[in-house]
C-alpha atoms as a PDB file:
ATOM      1  CA  MET A   1      -5.924 -18.525  -1.004  1.00  0.00           C
ATOM      2  CA  PHE A   2      -4.682 -14.966  -1.556  1.00  0.00           C
ATOM      3  CA  ASN A   3      -1.961 -15.325  -4.164  1.00  0.00           C
ATOM      4  CA  LYS A   4      -2.397 -11.997  -5.943  1.00  0.00           C
ATOM      5  CA  ILE A   5      -2.327  -8.921  -3.711  1.00  0.00           C
ATOM      6  CA  LEU A   6      -2.740  -5.287  -4.750  1.00  0.00           C
ATOM      7  CA  VAL A   7      -1.702  -2.477  -2.390  1.00  0.00           C
ATOM      8  CA  VAL A   8      -3.437   0.871  -2.947  1.00  0.00           C
ATOM      9  CA  CYS A   9      -2.880   4.450  -1.776  1.00  0.00           C
ATOM     10  CA  LEU A  10      -3.390   7.827  -3.444  1.00  0.00           C
ATOM     11  CA  GLY A  11      -0.332   8.673  -5.560  1.00  0.00           C
ATOM     12  CA  ASN A  12       1.334   5.246  -5.605  1.00  0.00           C
ATOM     13  CA  ILE A  13       4.717   6.767  -4.777  1.00  0.00           C
ATOM     14  CA  CYS A  14       5.086   6.533  -0.965  1.00  0.00           C
ATOM     15  CA  ARG A  15       2.911   4.138   1.007  1.00  0.00           C
ATOM     16  CA  SER A  16       1.770   1.510  -1.483  1.00  0.00           C
ATOM     17  CA  PRO A  17       5.182   0.914  -3.094  1.00  0.00           C
ATOM     18  CA  THR A  18       6.757   0.631   0.369  1.00  0.00           C
ATOM     19  CA  ALA A  19       4.186  -1.985   1.389  1.00  0.00           C
ATOM     20  CA  LYS A  20       4.436  -3.738  -1.980  1.00  0.00           C
ATOM     21  CA  PHE A  21       8.185  -4.187  -1.703  1.00  0.00           C
ATOM     22  CA  MET A  22       7.991  -5.287   1.947  1.00  0.00           C
ATOM     23  CA  LEU A  23       5.303  -7.852   1.179  1.00  0.00           C
ATOM     24  CA  GLN A  24       7.208  -9.088  -1.888  1.00  0.00           C
ATOM     25  CA  GLU A  25      10.275  -9.654   0.251  1.00  0.00           C
ATOM     26  CA  ALA A  26       8.286 -11.404   2.992  1.00  0.00           C
ATOM     27  CA  LEU A  27       6.064 -13.452   0.645  1.00  0.00           C
ATOM     28  CA  PRO A  28       8.147 -14.292  -2.448  1.00  0.00           C
ATOM     29  CA  ASP A  29       5.651 -16.922  -3.623  1.00  0.00           C
ATOM     30  CA  LYS A  30       2.870 -14.315  -3.971  1.00  0.00           C
ATOM     31  CA  HIS A  31       2.277 -11.839  -6.810  1.00  0.00           C
ATOM     32  CA  ILE A  32       2.161  -8.373  -5.269  1.00  0.00           C
ATOM     33  CA  ASP A  33       1.660  -5.061  -7.047  1.00  0.00           C
ATOM     34  CA  SER A  34       0.549  -1.542  -6.169  1.00  0.00           C
ATOM     35  CA  ALA A  35      -1.554   1.252  -7.636  1.00  0.00           C
ATOM     36  CA  GLY A  36      -2.881   4.695  -6.800  1.00  0.00           C
ATOM     37  CA  ILE A  37      -6.334   6.224  -6.856  1.00  0.00           C
ATOM     38  CA  THR A  38      -4.748   9.422  -8.179  1.00  0.00           C
ATOM     39  CA  ALA A  39      -1.459   7.857  -9.308  1.00  0.00           C
ATOM     40  CA  MET A  40       1.415  10.145 -10.177  1.00  0.00           C
ATOM     41  CA  VAL A  41       1.633   9.580 -13.922  1.00  0.00           C
ATOM     42  CA  LYS A  42       2.900  12.068 -16.491  1.00  0.00           C
ATOM     43  CA  ASP A  43       2.947  11.574 -20.269  1.00  0.00           C
ATOM     44  CA  GLY A  44       1.932   7.945 -19.812  1.00  0.00           C
ATOM     45  CA  LYS A  45       4.830   7.133 -17.482  1.00  0.00           C
ATOM     46  CA  GLY A  46       4.369   6.562 -13.775  1.00  0.00           C
ATOM     47  CA  TRP A  47       6.613   8.309 -11.284  1.00  0.00           C
ATOM     48  CA  ASP A  48       9.249   6.373  -9.375  1.00  0.00           C
ATOM     49  CA  MET A  49       8.952   5.957  -5.630  1.00  0.00           C
ATOM     50  CA  ASP A  50       9.217   9.211  -3.671  1.00  0.00           C
ATOM     51  CA  SER A  51      12.887   9.848  -2.838  1.00  0.00           C
ATOM     52  CA  LYS A  52      12.216  10.515   0.851  1.00  0.00           C
ATOM     53  CA  ALA A  53      10.163   7.314   1.181  1.00  0.00           C
ATOM     54  CA  ARG A  54      13.029   5.419  -0.464  1.00  0.00           C
ATOM     55  CA  GLN A  55      15.606   7.074   1.861  1.00  0.00           C
ATOM     56  CA  ILE A  56      13.626   6.120   4.966  1.00  0.00           C
ATOM     57  CA  ALA A  57      13.299   2.525   3.726  1.00  0.00           C
ATOM     58  CA  GLU A  58      17.052   2.344   3.069  1.00  0.00           C
ATOM     59  CA  ALA A  59      17.811   3.830   6.497  1.00  0.00           C
ATOM     60  CA  ASN A  60      15.736   0.952   7.918  1.00  0.00           C
ATOM     61  CA  GLY A  61      17.678  -1.728   6.046  1.00  0.00           C
ATOM     62  CA  TYR A  62      15.563  -2.161   2.914  1.00  0.00           C
ATOM     63  CA  SER A  63      16.669  -1.874  -0.701  1.00  0.00           C
ATOM     64  CA  PHE A  64      13.721  -1.441  -3.039  1.00  0.00           C
ATOM     65  CA  ALA A  65      13.773  -1.883  -6.806  1.00  0.00           C
ATOM     66  CA  GLU A  66      12.779   0.840  -9.230  1.00  0.00           C
ATOM     67  CA  HIS A  67       9.069   1.558  -9.225  1.00  0.00           C
ATOM     68  CA  GLU A  68       6.565   3.003 -11.688  1.00  0.00           C
ATOM     69  CA  ALA A  69       3.287   4.379 -10.345  1.00  0.00           C
ATOM     70  CA  GLN A  70       0.111   3.121 -11.997  1.00  0.00           C
ATOM     71  CA  GLN A  71      -3.488   4.246 -11.931  1.00  0.00           C
ATOM     72  CA  LEU A  72      -6.103   2.125 -10.194  1.00  0.00           C
ATOM     73  CA  ASN A  73      -8.778   0.894 -12.611  1.00  0.00           C
ATOM     74  CA  ARG A  74     -11.445  -1.792 -12.952  1.00  0.00           C
ATOM     75  CA  GLU A  75      -9.284  -4.115 -15.027  1.00  0.00           C
ATOM     76  CA  LEU A  76      -6.500  -3.968 -12.441  1.00  0.00           C
ATOM     77  CA  VAL A  77      -8.674  -4.560  -9.366  1.00  0.00           C
ATOM     78  CA  SER A  78     -10.369  -7.524 -11.052  1.00  0.00           C
ATOM     79  CA  GLN A  79      -7.026  -9.334 -11.380  1.00  0.00           C
ATOM     80  CA  PHE A  80      -6.306  -9.555  -7.623  1.00  0.00           C
ATOM     81  CA  ASP A  81      -7.514 -11.823  -4.801  1.00  0.00           C
ATOM     82  CA  LEU A  82      -6.931  -9.230  -2.068  1.00  0.00           C
ATOM     83  CA  ILE A  83      -6.755  -5.432  -2.186  1.00  0.00           C
ATOM     84  CA  LEU A  84      -5.065  -3.690   0.736  1.00  0.00           C
ATOM     85  CA  VAL A  85      -5.715   0.037   1.159  1.00  0.00           C
ATOM     86  CA  MET A  86      -4.122   2.617   3.438  1.00  0.00           C
ATOM     87  CA  GLU A  87      -7.250   4.401   4.648  1.00  0.00           C
ATOM     88  CA  ASN A  88     -10.935   3.663   5.166  1.00  0.00           C
ATOM     89  CA  GLU A  89     -11.594   6.498   2.719  1.00  0.00           C
ATOM     90  CA  HIS A  90      -9.776   4.500   0.020  1.00  0.00           C
ATOM     91  CA  ARG A  91     -11.919   1.455   0.821  1.00  0.00           C
ATOM     92  CA  GLN A  92     -15.074   3.549   0.495  1.00  0.00           C
ATOM     93  CA  TYR A  93     -13.858   4.949  -2.842  1.00  0.00           C
ATOM     94  CA  ILE A  94     -13.240   1.440  -4.182  1.00  0.00           C
ATOM     95  CA  GLY A  95     -16.642   0.307  -2.898  1.00  0.00           C
ATOM     96  CA  LYS A  96     -18.405   3.086  -4.789  1.00  0.00           C
ATOM     97  CA  ARG A  97     -16.331   2.838  -7.953  1.00  0.00           C
ATOM     98  CA  TYR A  98     -15.813  -0.929  -8.109  1.00  0.00           C
ATOM     99  CA  PRO A  99     -18.501  -2.497  -5.872  1.00  0.00           C
ATOM    100  CA  GLU A 100     -17.748  -5.967  -7.209  1.00  0.00           C
ATOM    101  CA  VAL A 101     -14.369  -6.003  -5.370  1.00  0.00           C
ATOM    102  CA  MET A 102     -15.479  -4.495  -2.050  1.00  0.00           C
ATOM    103  CA  ALA A 103     -15.560  -7.888  -0.297  1.00  0.00           C
ATOM    104  CA  LYS A 104     -11.869  -8.452  -1.043  1.00  0.00           C
ATOM    105  CA  THR A 105     -10.752  -4.945  -0.004  1.00  0.00           C
ATOM    106  CA  MET A 106      -9.269  -4.445   3.468  1.00  0.00           C
ATOM    107  CA  LEU A 107      -7.058  -2.009   5.338  1.00  0.00           C
ATOM    108  CA  LEU A 108      -3.330  -2.685   5.295  1.00  0.00           C
ATOM    109  CA  GLY A 109      -3.501  -1.678   8.973  1.00  0.00           C
ATOM    110  CA  GLN A 110      -6.364  -4.141   9.590  1.00  0.00           C
ATOM    111  CA  TRP A 111      -4.509  -5.926  12.392  1.00  0.00           C
ATOM    112  CA  LEU A 112      -3.300  -2.778  14.179  1.00  0.00           C
ATOM    113  CA  ALA A 113      -5.210  -1.272  17.090  1.00  0.00           C
ATOM    114  CA  ASP A 114      -6.506   2.285  16.721  1.00  0.00           C
ATOM    115  CA  ASN A 115      -6.735   4.105  20.065  1.00  0.00           C
ATOM    116  CA  GLY A 116      -6.648   0.740  21.820  1.00  0.00           C
ATOM    117  CA  LYS A 117      -9.482  -0.729  19.734  1.00  0.00           C
ATOM    118  CA  LEU A 118      -8.952  -3.545  17.264  1.00  0.00           C
ATOM    119  CA  GLY A 119     -10.500  -3.259  13.839  1.00  0.00           C
ATOM    120  CA  GLY A 120      -7.896  -1.512  11.801  1.00  0.00           C
ATOM    121  CA  LYS A 121      -5.856   1.638  11.625  1.00  0.00           C
ATOM    122  CA  ASP A 122      -5.506   4.139   8.801  1.00  0.00           C
ATOM    123  CA  ILE A 123      -1.971   4.803   7.583  1.00  0.00           C
ATOM    124  CA  PRO A 124      -1.652   8.543   6.842  1.00  0.00           C
ATOM    125  CA  ASP A 125      -0.046  10.025   3.749  1.00  0.00           C
ATOM    126  CA  PRO A 126       3.489  11.314   4.483  1.00  0.00           C
ATOM    127  CA  TYR A 127       3.971  13.049   1.110  1.00  0.00           C
ATOM    128  CA  LYS A 128       5.842  16.360   1.464  1.00  0.00           C
ATOM    129  CA  ARG A 129       5.914  16.062   5.257  1.00  0.00           C
ATOM    130  CA  SER A 130       8.823  15.824   7.712  1.00  0.00           C
ATOM    131  CA  ASP A 131      11.291  12.952   8.017  1.00  0.00           C
ATOM    132  CA  GLU A 132       9.632  12.087  11.328  1.00  0.00           C
ATOM    133  CA  VAL A 133       6.256  11.670   9.622  1.00  0.00           C
ATOM    134  CA  TYR A 134       7.818   9.481   6.912  1.00  0.00           C
ATOM    135  CA  GLN A 135       9.468   7.353   9.621  1.00  0.00           C
ATOM    136  CA  HIS A 136       6.195   7.038  11.554  1.00  0.00           C
ATOM    137  CA  VAL A 137       4.352   5.957   8.392  1.00  0.00           C
ATOM    138  CA  PHE A 138       7.162   3.539   7.505  1.00  0.00           C
ATOM    139  CA  ASP A 139       6.877   1.971  10.980  1.00  0.00           C
ATOM    140  CA  LEU A 140       3.093   1.563  10.593  1.00  0.00           C
ATOM    141  CA  ILE A 141       3.544  -0.047   7.171  1.00  0.00           C
ATOM    142  CA  GLU A 142       6.234  -2.400   8.457  1.00  0.00           C
ATOM    143  CA  LYS A 143       4.084  -3.466  11.444  1.00  0.00           C
ATOM    144  CA  SER A 144       1.092  -3.960   9.150  1.00  0.00           C
ATOM    145  CA  CYS A 145       3.072  -6.016   6.631  1.00  0.00           C
ATOM    146  CA  ASN A 146       4.467  -8.177   9.441  1.00  0.00           C
ATOM    147  CA  GLU A 147       0.919  -8.856  10.618  1.00  0.00           C
ATOM    148  CA  TRP A 148      -0.285  -9.703   7.112  1.00  0.00           C
ATOM    149  CA  LYS A 149       2.727 -11.967   6.607  1.00  0.00           C
ATOM    150  CA  LYS A 150       1.526 -14.099   9.552  1.00  0.00           C
ATOM    151  CA  ARG A 151      -1.942 -14.389   8.033  1.00  0.00           C
ATOM    152  CA  LEU A 152      -1.100 -14.972   4.383  1.00  0.00           C
END
């Protein structure tokens, strides 16, 4: 059903590449990519994954390939069956900008409880924050990906 999955965050260097690589590893038969609303791109080339995000992933037993950030756009969102975002704010942005894909846009943390209530949890941006924040965000992404793996 959902064979092409796009993971979206802001800069496409911390959260979405982490989730992309985790989902790729867990679901090798699916096509999974990532993008950013304000992707970190300079001179036409997307930035690699944030070094601290990569370090935290490696410290948790993952080895992620090289990454190149890409900008979210209409052509890209139209190619995917499911779009997973990190925050409700990202979902609202996509709904305003690309209303035709709103129905296939959900939170990556959809299956996590927020303050004891089901219905999804935002995954905050760790960029330029402490190692503890990066680890917390990594844990939320890993839990979310494990939940999606069961459902996809």
